[in-house]
Protein backbone atom coordinates (compact mmCIF):
# COMPACT_ATOMS: atom_id res chain seq x y z
CA MET A 1 -13.91 44.88 -8.37
CA ALA A 2 -13.71 48.11 -10.66
CA GLU A 3 -11.96 45.63 -13.61
CA ARG A 4 -15.55 43.77 -13.76
CA VAL A 5 -17.63 46.95 -13.81
CA VAL A 6 -19.28 45.98 -10.45
CA ALA A 7 -19.78 47.60 -7.20
CA GLU A 8 -19.46 45.86 -4.34
CA GLN A 9 -22.60 47.39 -3.12
CA GLU A 10 -23.94 46.41 -5.87
CA VAL A 11 -23.52 42.62 -5.14
CA VAL A 12 -24.30 42.38 -1.54
CA GLU A 13 -27.65 44.31 -2.93
CA THR A 14 -28.48 42.01 -5.61
CA ILE A 15 -27.91 39.19 -3.05
CA GLN A 16 -30.26 41.02 -0.16
CA HIS A 17 -32.82 41.24 -2.59
CA ALA A 18 -33.03 39.42 -5.71
CA PRO A 19 -34.47 35.58 -5.89
CA TRP A 20 -31.79 32.75 -5.18
CA GLU A 21 -31.81 30.43 -7.47
CA PRO A 22 -29.75 26.71 -7.16
CA ALA A 23 -25.68 26.93 -8.84
CA ARG A 24 -24.04 24.09 -9.63
CA GLN A 25 -21.71 22.75 -6.52
CA GLY A 26 -24.31 23.27 -4.41
CA ARG A 27 -23.87 26.72 -4.52
CA LEU A 28 -26.77 29.95 -4.95
CA ARG A 29 -26.85 32.14 -7.42
CA ALA A 30 -29.26 35.67 -8.11
CA THR A 31 -29.75 38.32 -10.93
CA ARG A 32 -30.58 41.52 -10.65
CA TRP A 33 -30.12 44.85 -13.60
CA TYR A 34 -28.90 47.52 -12.87
CA PRO A 35 -28.73 50.62 -14.68
CA PHE A 36 -25.16 51.85 -16.47
CA GLY A 37 -24.91 53.44 -19.25
CA GLN A 38 -21.09 54.37 -20.19
CA GLU A 39 -19.11 52.64 -22.93
CA HIS A 40 -16.87 49.49 -21.79
CA ARG A 41 -14.05 48.12 -24.50
CA GLY A 42 -15.29 51.18 -27.28
CA VAL A 43 -19.00 50.09 -26.40
CA ILE A 44 -21.19 52.36 -24.48
CA TYR A 45 -24.42 49.99 -22.94
CA LYS A 46 -27.40 51.01 -21.54
CA GLY A 47 -27.82 48.42 -17.96
CA LYS A 48 -25.92 45.79 -16.33
CA ASP A 49 -26.91 42.05 -15.16
CA VAL A 50 -25.32 41.94 -12.13
CA ARG A 51 -24.99 38.10 -11.25
CA PRO A 52 -23.28 36.89 -7.65
CA VAL A 53 -22.19 33.02 -6.95
CA PHE A 54 -22.26 31.90 -3.87
CA VAL A 55 -22.31 29.65 -0.71
CA GLU A 56 -24.51 30.62 2.77
CA GLU A 57 -22.70 29.41 5.49
CA PRO A 58 -24.72 29.18 9.33
CA ASP A 59 -23.17 33.11 10.08
CA ARG A 60 -22.25 34.61 6.65
CA ILE A 61 -22.20 34.46 2.65
CA VAL A 62 -18.88 33.95 1.08
CA VAL A 63 -19.22 34.94 -2.85
CA VAL A 64 -17.39 32.47 -5.37
CA THR A 65 -17.61 34.98 -7.88
CA VAL A 66 -19.45 37.51 -10.00
CA TYR A 67 -20.59 37.68 -13.15
CA VAL A 68 -21.51 40.51 -15.12
CA TYR A 69 -23.44 40.40 -18.03
CA LEU A 70 -23.50 43.95 -19.87
CA ASN A 71 -26.41 44.88 -22.21
CA GLN A 72 -28.62 46.72 -24.21
CA ARG A 73 -31.63 46.89 -21.56
CA GLU A 74 -33.12 50.41 -20.24
CA GLU A 75 -34.54 48.25 -17.44
CA SER A 76 -35.12 45.10 -15.46
CA ARG A 77 -37.17 42.42 -17.59
């Protein structure tokens, strides 16, 4: 997941600790802010919002996609 500037552990932690919300097509999503403090495509970003979209099955959670929003916030909202 390096091309998305997100680690697998961040996705797992977001699903485990952030509130779940309904998403399209019966899916769920969760959003959590993480510090970033790195350059990406010539811009230094202070933080990032990690937003996995997933489906909860009886015995597992299946991640459909992960959105990452880089931003200049220094802490979570």
